[in-house]
Structure formats: C-alpha cells, structure tokens
Amino acid sequence: MIDIHSHLLYGLDDGARSFDISLEMAKMAQESGTTDIVATPHANSAFDFAPDLIAGRIQELQAAAGDGIKIHRGCDCHLSVQNIQAAMREPERFSINGLCYLLVEFPEESLFQGSEQIFKSLKSVGLTPIVTHPERNAHLASDIPRLRRWVESGIPLQITAQSILSDFGPGIARWCLDVMKEGLVHFVASDAHDLLRRPPKLDRAWTFLAGKFGEAYAEALLNDHPRAVIEGEPLDIRPFRPEAPKKRRWFQFGA
C-alpha cells in the first residue's frame, strides 16, 4: 500500500514529536503493509514550511528506516492566499516529490471563496490539487453536490482511513460510504500524526474496503492511484465507483 498523507517527520508540525517517534511510525507503517509513505508537513499559519529542513529530515529518517519503506516528500498545503501565490510561483515547492500532485486542505471555519478558480489557477501551472479529508470539514461534508462537481472537473478527493472505520464516529463513516458509492473518492490515506491516536496504518482500511467493495477497489484507492501520484503519472479523475457486489447464488442440495 502507498500512503500519500502523513505527518511522519518530527518537530515540524503537530505530528511526530521526536526522531524516535518518527522512526517508530515508519516501522509501524511498514509492518502493516505500507511500502511507500509521503511525509506531508503542514503549511499553514501555525507552522512554517521549510523544504530544505524537510529534505534533511527525510534523508535522516530514510537512513534509519532502511529499504523496507520509501519516504517521499510532500505537503499538507492549507489553502491561503500566501500558499496559493507561492504554489503558482514555484509549483514544485509543495507538490508530492516536486511533481504534479498537491494535497490541499480547506479551512475548517469557512469555505474558501473562489475554490473553482483557485483549482483552475493551480492546474494552469501543472498542478492537480487533491482535496484532503473532506469528511472532517463540516462545510465540505455538507455540500456533496460541490464535491461532485469538483471530481467531475478533475479534482480528486482523499479520505482518511480511520474515517471509514468509524474511529471518528459512525456519522462520518456513513458519509464516507455514501461518497465512495458515488465514486467521489480516489485515495484513502492515514493522515498519521502519532503511534496511538492517529497511527500510520492502512491494513484495516484495506481489509474493510476489500470486504465491502472488493479487492480491486481497495487496490485502486490504496495502491494504484497513490502510485500514480508519487510517480507523477496521469490519473483518470472521473467518478470512480466500486463494482456492485455480486449476488450470492443459493443451491438446494438433496431431495
């Protein structure tokens, strides 16, 4: 599995608090089946985004974690005027591996005005925004028609693994199931912050999705689509619906 959203690097935001925790998080991710993980520190009003420092932390952590898991560079980019302008000037600054996909996080207190135009502007410089955890943003979650328009225009959504497992409540889990059935979800990621409350594990999510919608759907959201992101490859961003589960056939034996 490939995890495109995590706060794995220590001392940069509200994620890992120490190098030891970063290393344990990397080991936990690997042991639960993750082969690649993107370190996506916040870029917002509370935390400065320092690419050189991030690159150094990744190199340090990769050396200690070994070859069993590959750590990639990214950003949890808060949609602010400053960040949008910076991304327009330097598209590779916040994007995953400096390529063409960018995680964007909406403010929780209000819906950023002119979102569609912002997406168009980012696309004009070669960036494809990925909207992170809309299920945990009340303004986004309450406007599924808007999310549907975004997906239909080529803006994919990423939801959090714990959300579909009811760890954030049954209401959020039901919301996730509804939008997945509509085909509005292209990625599931951990958004890991620590070892206990927000761990870097995707195995339970894979098992849940495979059981609910089939292994092909789980593979798409947790491997195929994320791989396109870390490699900067094109991704068909249209409504991606899971196949309807096959009806079980019942046979009567005996006379």
Protein backbone atom coordinates (compact mmCIF):
# COMPACT_ATOMS: atom_id res chain seq x y z
CA MET A 1 0.00 0.00 0.00
CA ILE A 2 1.05 3.60 -0.58
CA ASP A 3 0.19 6.34 1.92
CA ILE A 4 0.12 9.83 0.38
CA HIS A 5 -0.68 11.78 3.56
CA SER A 6 1.19 11.58 6.86
CA HIS A 7 2.80 13.80 9.47
CA LEU A 8 5.73 11.48 9.90
CA LEU A 9 8.58 13.97 10.29
CA TYR A 10 9.42 15.09 13.79
CA GLY A 11 9.40 18.64 15.11
CA LEU A 12 7.82 20.31 12.07
CA ASP A 13 4.13 20.49 12.95
CA ASP A 14 1.60 18.70 15.18
CA GLY A 15 2.84 15.29 14.04
CA ALA A 16 5.73 13.23 15.39
CA ARG A 17 7.35 14.86 18.42
CA SER A 18 10.79 13.24 18.21
CA PHE A 19 13.05 11.33 15.86
CA ASP A 20 12.36 8.13 17.80
CA ILE A 21 8.62 8.53 17.25
CA SER A 22 9.19 9.25 13.55
CA LEU A 23 11.20 6.05 13.26
CA GLU A 24 8.62 4.00 15.14
CA MET A 25 5.90 5.41 12.89
CA ALA A 26 7.87 4.40 9.80
CA LYS A 27 8.34 0.89 11.21
CA MET A 28 4.64 0.64 12.09
CA ALA A 29 3.66 1.68 8.59
CA GLN A 30 6.00 -0.88 7.05
CA GLU A 31 4.84 -3.69 9.34
CA SER A 32 1.21 -3.01 8.43
CA GLY A 33 1.91 -3.30 4.71
CA THR A 34 2.89 0.20 3.57
CA THR A 35 5.75 0.23 1.08
CA ASP A 36 5.79 3.99 0.38
CA ILE A 37 4.74 6.89 2.59
CA VAL A 38 4.62 10.59 1.80
CA ALA A 39 5.71 12.94 4.58
CA THR A 40 3.35 15.92 4.31
CA PRO A 41 4.08 18.56 6.96
CA HIS A 42 1.52 21.32 7.33
CA ALA A 43 1.99 24.63 5.56
CA ASN A 44 -0.34 26.99 7.40
CA SER A 45 -0.40 29.98 9.73
CA ALA A 46 0.78 27.86 12.66
CA PHE A 47 3.67 26.02 11.01
CA ASP A 48 6.33 27.24 8.61
CA PHE A 49 7.06 25.03 5.62
CA ALA A 50 10.83 24.65 5.20
CA PRO A 51 11.73 22.48 2.16
CA ASP A 52 15.44 22.22 2.98
CA LEU A 53 14.75 21.17 6.55
CA ILE A 54 12.15 18.67 5.37
CA ALA A 55 14.59 17.16 2.87
CA GLY A 56 17.16 16.74 5.65
CA ARG A 57 14.64 15.07 7.97
CA ILE A 58 13.57 12.67 5.22
CA GLN A 59 17.18 11.73 4.49
CA GLU A 60 17.84 11.17 8.20
CA LEU A 61 14.73 9.07 8.69
CA GLN A 62 15.21 7.07 5.49
CA ALA A 63 18.72 6.09 6.53
CA ALA A 64 17.44 4.80 9.86
CA ALA A 65 14.30 3.10 8.48
CA GLY A 66 16.16 1.14 5.80
CA ASP A 67 14.97 -0.12 2.46
CA GLY A 68 11.70 -1.69 3.60
CA ILE A 69 9.78 1.55 3.21
CA LYS A 70 10.35 4.53 0.93
CA ILE A 71 9.72 8.02 2.30
CA HIS A 72 8.60 10.70 -0.15
CA ARG A 73 8.29 14.48 0.11
CA GLY A 74 5.01 16.35 0.14
CA CYS A 75 2.96 18.94 1.98
CA ASP A 76 -0.43 19.32 3.63
CA CYS A 77 -0.98 22.68 1.98
CA HIS A 78 -3.54 24.88 3.68
CA LEU A 79 -5.43 26.98 1.15
CA SER A 80 -4.40 30.52 1.98
CA VAL A 81 -3.62 33.45 -0.27
CA GLN A 82 0.08 33.22 0.62
CA ASN A 83 0.33 29.49 -0.14
CA ILE A 84 -1.61 29.77 -3.37
CA GLN A 85 0.68 32.54 -4.60
CA ALA A 86 3.76 30.53 -3.58
CA ALA A 87 2.49 27.44 -5.39
CA MET A 88 1.84 29.47 -8.51
CA ARG A 89 5.40 30.85 -8.45
CA GLU A 90 7.05 27.52 -7.56
CA PRO A 91 4.77 24.60 -8.46
CA GLU A 92 7.27 22.07 -7.17
CA ARG A 93 7.57 23.69 -3.71
CA PHE A 94 4.59 21.95 -2.09
CA SER A 95 3.81 19.16 -4.56
CA ILE A 96 4.44 15.48 -3.89
CA ASN A 97 8.00 14.65 -4.94
CA GLY A 98 8.10 18.04 -6.68
CA LEU A 99 5.88 16.66 -9.43
CA CYS A 100 2.27 17.39 -10.37
CA TYR A 101 0.01 16.44 -7.43
CA LEU A 102 -0.67 18.74 -4.49
CA LEU A 103 -2.56 17.98 -1.27
CA VAL A 104 -4.81 20.91 -0.39
CA GLU A 105 -6.54 21.41 2.93
CA PHE A 106 -9.52 23.73 3.28
CA PRO A 107 -10.03 25.96 6.33
CA GLU A 108 -12.37 24.42 8.87
CA GLU A 109 -14.04 27.66 9.86
CA SER A 110 -15.33 28.62 6.41
CA LEU A 111 -15.31 27.51 2.79
CA PHE A 112 -12.59 29.31 0.86
CA GLN A 113 -14.21 31.60 -1.69
CA GLY A 114 -13.47 31.11 -5.37
CA SER A 115 -12.39 27.49 -4.99
CA GLU A 116 -13.06 26.58 -8.60
CA GLN A 117 -10.96 29.47 -9.85
CA ILE A 118 -8.16 28.51 -7.46
CA PHE A 119 -8.18 24.98 -8.84
CA LYS A 120 -8.04 26.32 -12.40
CA SER A 121 -5.09 28.55 -11.49
CA LEU A 122 -3.19 25.66 -9.91
CA LYS A 123 -3.91 23.46 -12.91
CA SER A 124 -2.59 26.19 -15.20
CA VAL A 125 0.87 25.72 -13.70
CA GLY A 126 0.71 21.92 -13.96
CA LEU A 127 -0.64 21.05 -10.51
CA THR A 128 -3.53 18.70 -9.79
CA PRO A 129 -5.00 19.52 -6.37
CA ILE A 130 -6.10 16.62 -4.17
CA VAL A 131 -8.67 17.72 -1.58
CA THR A 132 -7.81 16.14 1.76
CA HIS A 133 -10.26 14.65 4.29
CA PRO A 134 -13.46 16.47 3.22
CA GLU A 135 -15.37 14.19 5.59
CA ARG A 136 -13.81 16.03 8.54
CA ASN A 137 -14.63 19.51 7.25
CA ALA A 138 -18.25 20.39 8.05
CA HIS A 139 -18.51 22.92 5.21
CA LEU A 140 -17.31 20.42 2.61
CA ALA A 141 -19.15 17.42 4.02
CA SER A 142 -22.46 19.28 3.91
CA ASP A 143 -22.11 20.10 0.19
CA ILE A 144 -21.77 16.83 -1.72
CA PRO A 145 -23.01 18.45 -4.98
CA ARG A 146 -19.99 20.77 -4.83
CA LEU A 147 -17.65 17.82 -4.27
CA ARG A 148 -19.29 16.01 -7.16
CA ARG A 149 -18.66 18.99 -9.46
CA TRP A 150 -15.03 19.09 -8.36
CA VAL A 151 -14.46 15.42 -9.13
CA GLU A 152 -16.20 15.74 -12.48
CA SER A 153 -13.86 18.63 -13.29
CA GLY A 154 -10.75 16.57 -12.43
CA ILE A 155 -10.20 17.30 -8.73
CA PRO A 156 -9.90 14.05 -6.73
CA LEU A 157 -10.72 13.56 -3.05
CA GLN A 158 -8.70 11.81 -0.35
CA ILE A 159 -10.40 10.49 2.76
CA THR A 160 -8.81 9.24 5.97
CA ALA A 161 -8.51 5.55 6.74
CA GLN A 162 -9.79 5.97 10.28
CA SER A 163 -12.84 7.82 8.98
CA ILE A 164 -14.17 4.79 7.11
CA LEU A 165 -13.54 2.59 10.15
CA SER A 166 -15.81 4.71 12.41
CA ASP A 167 -12.86 5.88 14.53
CA PHE A 168 -14.15 9.43 14.10
CA GLY A 169 -17.76 8.40 14.65
CA PRO A 170 -20.44 6.43 12.79
CA GLY A 171 -21.82 9.51 11.05
CA ILE A 172 -18.51 10.24 9.33
CA ALA A 173 -18.17 6.57 8.40
CA ARG A 174 -21.62 6.56 6.79
CA TRP A 175 -20.76 9.75 4.89
CA CYS A 176 -17.60 8.11 3.55
CA LEU A 177 -19.53 5.06 2.37
CA ASP A 178 -22.04 7.27 0.58
CA VAL A 179 -19.42 9.27 -1.33
CA MET A 180 -17.43 6.14 -2.16
CA LYS A 181 -20.55 4.56 -3.63
CA GLU A 182 -20.96 7.73 -5.73
CA GLY A 183 -17.41 7.31 -6.99
CA LEU A 184 -16.12 10.54 -5.48
CA VAL A 185 -13.11 9.06 -3.66
CA HIS A 186 -9.80 8.27 -5.34
CA PHE A 187 -7.47 7.90 -2.33
CA VAL A 188 -7.50 6.60 1.22
CA ALA A 189 -4.55 7.72 3.37
CA SER A 190 -3.64 7.59 7.04
CA ASP A 191 -3.09 11.30 7.83
CA ALA A 192 -0.97 9.83 10.62
CA HIS A 193 0.19 12.08 13.46
CA ASP A 194 1.41 9.65 16.11
CA LEU A 195 1.59 6.00 17.16
CA LEU A 196 -1.68 5.65 19.06
CA ARG A 197 -4.45 8.12 18.33
CA ARG A 198 -3.62 8.71 14.64
CA PRO A 199 -1.34 5.82 13.60
CA PRO A 200 0.24 5.29 10.14
CA LYS A 201 -1.67 2.08 9.41
CA LEU A 202 -3.69 1.24 6.32
CA ASP A 203 -4.16 -2.51 6.71
CA ARG A 204 -7.53 -2.30 8.48
CA ALA A 205 -8.79 0.08 5.79
CA TRP A 206 -7.67 -2.30 3.05
CA THR A 207 -9.45 -5.22 4.74
CA PHE A 208 -12.62 -3.17 5.18
CA LEU A 209 -12.70 -1.89 1.59
CA ALA A 210 -11.87 -5.30 0.12
CA GLY A 211 -14.65 -6.89 2.14
CA LYS A 212 -17.17 -4.18 1.32
CA PHE A 213 -16.38 -3.40 -2.32
CA GLY A 214 -13.86 -6.00 -3.49
CA GLU A 215 -10.09 -6.25 -3.66
CA ALA A 216 -9.81 -4.34 -6.94
CA TYR A 217 -11.40 -1.25 -5.37
CA ALA A 218 -9.18 -1.46 -2.29
CA GLU A 219 -6.13 -1.86 -4.52
CA ALA A 220 -7.09 1.19 -6.56
CA LEU A 221 -7.55 3.52 -3.57
CA LEU A 222 -4.57 2.25 -1.58
CA ASN A 223 -2.04 1.36 -4.26
CA ASP A 224 -2.79 2.09 -7.91
CA HIS A 225 -3.99 5.69 -7.62
CA PRO A 226 -1.42 6.64 -4.94
CA ARG A 227 1.36 5.17 -7.09
CA ALA A 228 0.38 7.48 -9.94
CA VAL A 229 0.70 10.37 -7.50
CA ILE A 230 4.18 9.59 -6.19
CA GLU A 231 5.41 8.95 -9.73
CA GLY A 232 3.70 11.99 -11.24
CA GLU A 233 1.76 9.87 -13.73
CA PRO A 234 -1.63 10.78 -15.27
CA LEU A 235 -4.70 9.60 -13.38
CA ASP A 236 -8.18 9.27 -14.82
CA ILE A 237 -10.08 11.51 -12.43
CA ARG A 238 -13.71 10.80 -13.04
CA PRO A 239 -16.29 9.34 -10.70
CA PHE A 240 -14.73 6.02 -9.71
CA ARG A 241 -17.47 3.74 -8.42
CA PRO A 242 -16.89 0.38 -6.82
CA GLU A 243 -18.43 -2.50 -8.67
CA ALA A 244 -21.73 -3.69 -7.27
CA PRO A 245 -21.19 -6.78 -5.11
CA LYS A 246 -22.14 -9.96 -6.85
CA LYS A 247 -25.28 -11.61 -5.60
CA ARG A 248 -24.69 -14.89 -3.88
CA ARG A 249 -26.25 -17.89 -5.54
CA TRP A 250 -28.02 -20.35 -3.31
CA PHE A 251 -28.30 -24.04 -4.12
CA GLN A 252 -30.53 -26.62 -2.55
CA PHE A 253 -28.93 -29.97 -2.04
CA GLY A 254 -30.64 -33.26 -1.51
CA ALA A 255 -34.08 -34.48 -2.39
